[in-house]
N, C-alpha and C. Protein backbone atom coordinates (compact mmCIF):
# COMPACT_ATOMS: atom_id res chain seq x y z
N MET A 1 0.85 -1.17 -0.02
CA MET A 1 -0.05 -0.05 -0.01
C MET A 1 0.90 1.24 -0.02
N LYS A 2 0.62 2.13 -0.89
CA LYS A 2 1.39 3.39 -1.13
C LYS A 2 1.14 4.32 0.13
N PRO A 3 2.17 4.89 0.74
CA PRO A 3 1.91 5.80 1.83
C PRO A 3 1.50 7.16 1.25
N ASP A 4 0.75 7.96 2.04
CA ASP A 4 0.24 9.25 1.74
C ASP A 4 -0.63 9.26 0.46
N ARG A 5 -1.54 8.29 0.36
CA ARG A 5 -2.44 8.25 -0.74
C ARG A 5 -3.49 9.34 -0.57
N SER A 6 -4.02 9.78 -1.65
CA SER A 6 -5.05 10.81 -1.61
C SER A 6 -6.35 10.20 -1.17
N GLU A 7 -7.35 11.04 -0.80
CA GLU A 7 -8.68 10.57 -0.39
C GLU A 7 -9.35 9.79 -1.68
N THR A 8 -9.09 10.37 -2.75
CA THR A 8 -9.66 9.75 -4.03
C THR A 8 -9.07 8.38 -4.24
N GLU A 9 -7.82 8.22 -4.09
CA GLU A 9 -7.18 6.86 -4.21
C GLU A 9 -7.74 5.95 -3.16
N ILE A 10 -7.84 6.30 -1.93
CA ILE A 10 -8.28 5.43 -0.94
C ILE A 10 -9.78 5.07 -1.23
N SER A 11 -10.62 6.05 -1.64
CA SER A 11 -12.01 5.81 -1.96
C SER A 11 -12.13 4.82 -3.04
N ALA A 12 -11.37 4.94 -4.16
CA ALA A 12 -11.36 3.98 -5.27
C ALA A 12 -10.97 2.59 -4.84
N ALA A 13 -9.98 2.46 -4.04
CA ALA A 13 -9.51 1.22 -3.58
C ALA A 13 -10.51 0.51 -2.72
N ILE A 14 -11.21 1.19 -1.80
CA ILE A 14 -12.11 0.49 -0.95
C ILE A 14 -13.48 0.22 -1.76
N ALA A 15 -13.81 1.09 -2.69
CA ALA A 15 -14.95 0.82 -3.46
C ALA A 15 -14.77 -0.52 -4.32
N ALA A 16 -13.53 -0.64 -4.89
CA ALA A 16 -13.18 -1.89 -5.64
C ALA A 16 -13.25 -3.07 -4.80
N ARG A 17 -12.79 -2.88 -3.63
CA ARG A 17 -12.81 -4.05 -2.56
C ARG A 17 -14.17 -4.55 -2.28
N TRP A 18 -15.12 -3.52 -2.02
CA TRP A 18 -16.46 -3.93 -1.71
C TRP A 18 -17.17 -4.45 -2.95
N GLU A 19 -16.90 -3.94 -4.13
CA GLU A 19 -17.48 -4.36 -5.36
C GLU A 19 -17.08 -5.84 -5.59
N ALA A 20 -15.80 -6.10 -5.40
CA ALA A 20 -15.25 -7.45 -5.51
C ALA A 20 -15.99 -8.53 -4.67
N ARG A 21 -16.57 -8.03 -3.56
CA ARG A 21 -17.32 -8.96 -2.65
C ARG A 21 -18.76 -9.02 -3.04
N GLY A 22 -19.16 -8.45 -4.17
CA GLY A 22 -20.52 -8.40 -4.66
C GLY A 22 -21.28 -7.22 -4.29
N GLY A 23 -20.79 -6.15 -3.72
CA GLY A 23 -21.48 -5.11 -3.23
C GLY A 23 -21.85 -4.08 -4.30
N VAL A 24 -22.84 -3.36 -4.08
CA VAL A 24 -23.19 -2.19 -4.94
C VAL A 24 -22.75 -0.95 -4.19
N VAL A 25 -21.79 -0.20 -4.79
CA VAL A 25 -21.29 0.90 -4.17
C VAL A 25 -21.62 2.22 -4.98
N THR A 26 -22.24 3.13 -4.38
CA THR A 26 -22.71 4.29 -5.02
C THR A 26 -21.94 5.46 -4.51
N ARG A 27 -21.35 6.28 -5.37
CA ARG A 27 -20.66 7.49 -5.03
C ARG A 27 -21.75 8.50 -4.90
N MET A 28 -21.67 9.20 -3.68
CA MET A 28 -22.61 10.30 -3.41
C MET A 28 -21.97 11.66 -3.65
N GLN A 29 -22.57 12.56 -4.22
CA GLN A 29 -22.15 13.94 -4.42
C GLN A 29 -22.94 14.80 -3.64
N SER A 30 -22.35 15.66 -2.85
CA SER A 30 -23.10 16.53 -2.06
C SER A 30 -22.77 17.99 -2.34
N GLY A 31 -23.69 18.84 -1.82
CA GLY A 31 -23.43 20.34 -2.03
C GLY A 31 -24.28 20.78 -3.24
N ARG A 32 -23.61 21.67 -4.07
CA ARG A 32 -24.24 22.14 -5.27
C ARG A 32 -23.12 22.47 -6.29
N VAL A 33 -23.52 22.44 -7.53
CA VAL A 33 -22.64 22.81 -8.65
C VAL A 33 -23.37 23.78 -9.56
N LYS A 34 -22.50 24.64 -10.12
CA LYS A 34 -23.01 25.59 -11.06
C LYS A 34 -23.21 24.93 -12.38
N VAL A 35 -24.39 25.21 -12.91
CA VAL A 35 -24.78 24.67 -14.24
C VAL A 35 -25.39 25.82 -15.01
N ARG A 36 -25.56 25.55 -16.33
CA ARG A 36 -26.13 26.59 -17.11
C ARG A 36 -27.49 26.94 -16.63
N GLY A 37 -27.74 28.18 -16.28
CA GLY A 37 -29.06 28.61 -15.85
C GLY A 37 -29.16 28.67 -14.28
N GLY A 38 -28.07 28.27 -13.64
CA GLY A 38 -28.17 28.37 -12.12
C GLY A 38 -27.30 27.35 -11.39
N TRP A 39 -27.88 26.78 -10.34
CA TRP A 39 -27.20 25.80 -9.55
C TRP A 39 -27.99 24.46 -9.51
N MET A 40 -27.29 23.36 -9.48
CA MET A 40 -27.87 22.02 -9.37
C MET A 40 -27.50 21.55 -7.89
N HIS A 41 -28.56 21.34 -7.18
CA HIS A 41 -28.38 20.88 -5.75
C HIS A 41 -28.23 19.39 -5.71
N LEU A 42 -27.23 18.91 -5.05
CA LEU A 42 -26.92 17.51 -4.95
C LEU A 42 -27.41 16.96 -3.53
N ALA A 43 -26.83 15.87 -3.02
CA ALA A 43 -27.20 15.49 -1.73
C ALA A 43 -26.83 16.52 -0.69
N SER A 44 -27.52 16.45 0.45
CA SER A 44 -27.30 17.48 1.46
C SER A 44 -25.81 17.44 1.96
N GLU A 45 -25.39 18.64 2.39
CA GLU A 45 -24.04 18.80 2.91
C GLU A 45 -23.82 17.86 4.04
N GLY A 46 -22.67 17.20 4.01
CA GLY A 46 -22.27 16.31 5.09
C GLY A 46 -22.56 14.88 4.71
N THR A 47 -23.36 14.59 3.68
CA THR A 47 -23.63 13.21 3.24
C THR A 47 -22.28 12.44 3.01
N PRO A 48 -22.20 11.25 3.51
CA PRO A 48 -20.92 10.47 3.32
C PRO A 48 -20.65 10.20 1.84
N ASP A 49 -19.44 9.86 1.56
CA ASP A 49 -19.00 9.67 0.13
C ASP A 49 -19.56 8.45 -0.57
N ARG A 50 -19.88 7.49 0.18
CA ARG A 50 -20.31 6.22 -0.39
C ARG A 50 -21.61 5.67 0.29
N PHE A 51 -22.43 5.08 -0.44
CA PHE A 51 -23.57 4.29 0.04
C PHE A 51 -23.25 2.87 -0.46
N VAL A 52 -23.31 1.84 0.42
CA VAL A 52 -22.81 0.54 0.10
C VAL A 52 -23.96 -0.42 0.39
N ILE A 53 -24.35 -1.32 -0.60
CA ILE A 53 -25.34 -2.31 -0.34
C ILE A 53 -24.64 -3.66 -0.42
N GLY A 54 -24.74 -4.45 0.64
CA GLY A 54 -24.25 -5.86 0.58
C GLY A 54 -25.36 -6.85 0.75
N PRO A 55 -25.06 -8.12 0.85
CA PRO A 55 -26.18 -9.15 0.96
C PRO A 55 -26.83 -9.03 2.31
N GLY A 56 -27.98 -8.43 2.33
CA GLY A 56 -28.76 -8.29 3.57
C GLY A 56 -28.41 -7.09 4.47
N PHE A 57 -27.59 -6.22 4.04
CA PHE A 57 -27.16 -5.07 4.85
C PHE A 57 -26.80 -3.88 3.97
N CYS A 58 -26.70 -2.72 4.61
CA CYS A 58 -26.26 -1.54 3.81
C CYS A 58 -25.57 -0.64 4.88
N PHE A 59 -24.73 0.31 4.39
CA PHE A 59 -24.11 1.27 5.26
C PHE A 59 -23.56 2.43 4.45
N TRP A 60 -23.24 3.55 5.15
CA TRP A 60 -22.70 4.68 4.59
C TRP A 60 -21.29 4.75 4.91
N ALA A 61 -20.39 5.25 4.08
CA ALA A 61 -18.99 5.32 4.34
C ALA A 61 -18.44 6.67 3.90
N GLU A 62 -17.81 7.31 4.83
CA GLU A 62 -17.04 8.53 4.62
C GLU A 62 -15.58 8.17 4.48
N THR A 63 -15.02 8.54 3.38
CA THR A 63 -13.57 8.27 3.14
C THR A 63 -12.72 9.47 3.58
N LYS A 64 -11.68 9.10 4.34
CA LYS A 64 -10.70 10.15 4.79
C LYS A 64 -9.32 9.55 4.70
N THR A 65 -8.33 10.47 4.57
CA THR A 65 -6.92 10.09 4.65
C THR A 65 -6.69 9.74 6.10
N PRO A 66 -5.62 9.13 6.47
CA PRO A 66 -5.28 8.88 7.81
C PRO A 66 -5.25 10.11 8.69
N LYS A 67 -4.92 11.20 8.20
CA LYS A 67 -4.90 12.42 8.97
C LYS A 67 -6.12 13.39 8.77
N GLY A 68 -7.04 12.91 7.87
CA GLY A 68 -8.24 13.77 7.52
C GLY A 68 -9.23 13.79 8.63
N GLU A 69 -9.82 14.98 8.72
CA GLU A 69 -10.88 15.16 9.84
C GLU A 69 -12.25 15.42 9.24
N LEU A 70 -13.28 15.02 10.03
CA LEU A 70 -14.60 15.35 9.55
C LEU A 70 -14.91 16.77 9.84
N ASN A 71 -15.73 17.38 8.90
CA ASN A 71 -16.09 18.77 9.14
C ASN A 71 -17.43 18.78 9.95
N THR A 72 -17.90 19.90 10.32
CA THR A 72 -19.10 20.05 11.20
C THR A 72 -20.31 19.42 10.52
N ALA A 73 -20.52 19.69 9.26
CA ALA A 73 -21.66 19.09 8.54
C ALA A 73 -21.61 17.60 8.56
N GLN A 74 -20.41 17.03 8.34
CA GLN A 74 -20.30 15.52 8.33
C GLN A 74 -20.62 14.97 9.65
N ILE A 75 -20.06 15.63 10.71
CA ILE A 75 -20.27 15.11 12.11
C ILE A 75 -21.76 15.12 12.41
N SER A 76 -22.44 16.15 12.02
CA SER A 76 -23.94 16.32 12.26
C SER A 76 -24.72 15.31 11.50
N TRP A 77 -24.31 15.12 10.16
CA TRP A 77 -25.03 14.08 9.37
C TRP A 77 -24.86 12.71 9.96
N HIS A 78 -23.66 12.36 10.30
CA HIS A 78 -23.38 10.98 10.83
C HIS A 78 -24.21 10.79 12.10
N HIS A 79 -24.20 11.84 13.01
CA HIS A 79 -24.86 11.67 14.25
C HIS A 79 -26.34 11.42 14.01
N ARG A 80 -26.98 12.26 13.13
CA ARG A 80 -28.42 12.05 12.86
C ARG A 80 -28.68 10.73 12.28
N ALA A 81 -27.89 10.26 11.33
CA ALA A 81 -28.16 8.94 10.61
C ALA A 81 -27.98 7.84 11.65
N ARG A 82 -26.99 7.90 12.56
CA ARG A 82 -26.82 6.86 13.57
C ARG A 82 -28.07 6.85 14.59
N GLN A 83 -28.58 8.03 14.89
CA GLN A 83 -29.73 8.09 15.75
C GLN A 83 -30.92 7.35 15.19
N LEU A 84 -30.92 7.31 13.84
CA LEU A 84 -31.99 6.66 13.07
C LEU A 84 -31.69 5.20 12.79
N GLY A 85 -30.62 4.72 13.37
CA GLY A 85 -30.25 3.27 13.20
C GLY A 85 -29.41 2.94 11.97
N GLN A 86 -28.92 4.00 11.37
CA GLN A 86 -28.05 3.71 10.17
C GLN A 86 -26.67 3.43 10.51
N ARG A 87 -25.89 2.56 9.80
CA ARG A 87 -24.54 2.28 10.04
C ARG A 87 -23.73 3.33 9.22
N VAL A 88 -22.87 4.07 9.85
CA VAL A 88 -22.02 5.04 9.23
C VAL A 88 -20.59 4.87 9.70
N PHE A 89 -19.71 4.78 8.74
CA PHE A 89 -18.26 4.51 9.08
C PHE A 89 -17.41 5.61 8.39
N VAL A 90 -16.31 5.87 9.14
CA VAL A 90 -15.22 6.66 8.53
C VAL A 90 -14.16 5.68 8.18
N VAL A 91 -13.84 5.64 6.87
CA VAL A 91 -12.96 4.57 6.30
C VAL A 91 -11.68 5.28 5.88
N ARG A 92 -10.55 4.83 6.45
CA ARG A 92 -9.27 5.45 6.14
C ARG A 92 -8.32 4.49 5.31
N ASP A 93 -8.65 3.21 5.34
CA ASP A 93 -7.82 2.27 4.62
C ASP A 93 -8.60 0.90 4.41
N GLU A 94 -7.94 -0.05 3.77
CA GLU A 94 -8.61 -1.30 3.45
C GLU A 94 -9.06 -2.11 4.62
N SER A 95 -8.29 -2.02 5.69
CA SER A 95 -8.64 -2.78 6.90
C SER A 95 -9.96 -2.22 7.56
N ALA A 96 -10.19 -0.88 7.48
CA ALA A 96 -11.40 -0.29 8.03
C ALA A 96 -12.49 -0.63 6.99
N ALA A 97 -12.24 -0.78 5.76
CA ALA A 97 -13.25 -1.19 4.74
C ALA A 97 -13.72 -2.64 5.06
N ASP A 98 -12.80 -3.50 5.33
CA ASP A 98 -13.11 -4.86 5.73
C ASP A 98 -13.94 -4.93 6.99
N ALA A 99 -13.64 -4.14 7.97
CA ALA A 99 -14.37 -4.08 9.20
C ALA A 99 -15.81 -3.60 9.08
N ALA A 100 -16.10 -2.72 8.09
CA ALA A 100 -17.39 -2.15 7.84
C ALA A 100 -18.26 -3.24 7.13
N TRP A 101 -17.66 -4.12 6.45
CA TRP A 101 -18.40 -5.14 5.58
C TRP A 101 -18.70 -6.36 6.51
N VAL A 102 -19.96 -6.52 6.82
CA VAL A 102 -20.35 -7.65 7.62
C VAL A 102 -21.33 -8.55 6.83
N GLU A 103 -21.22 -9.85 6.92
CA GLU A 103 -22.18 -10.74 6.26
C GLU A 103 -22.91 -11.56 7.32
């Protein structure tokens, strides 16, 4: 494993890992982007990077580098989702990806 990988590299590696196990891994885009004629609103601010569906379970995954920190919107989103019984993980490497995947 390459040291000092970017969040994008980590995210791609863990998504491939979950997909290899048969999972459906959806990349979530949050915030808003400028488009012709105005703004396109995406998922709400703080939404985790990935939504993962496995055999009989699902979870949300926020990808971070080993030193990356959650922002206020992410902390709030994770807290609210967990209160509603959702599984939300902060995934920094492949071992954390394996720990999130339960069968």
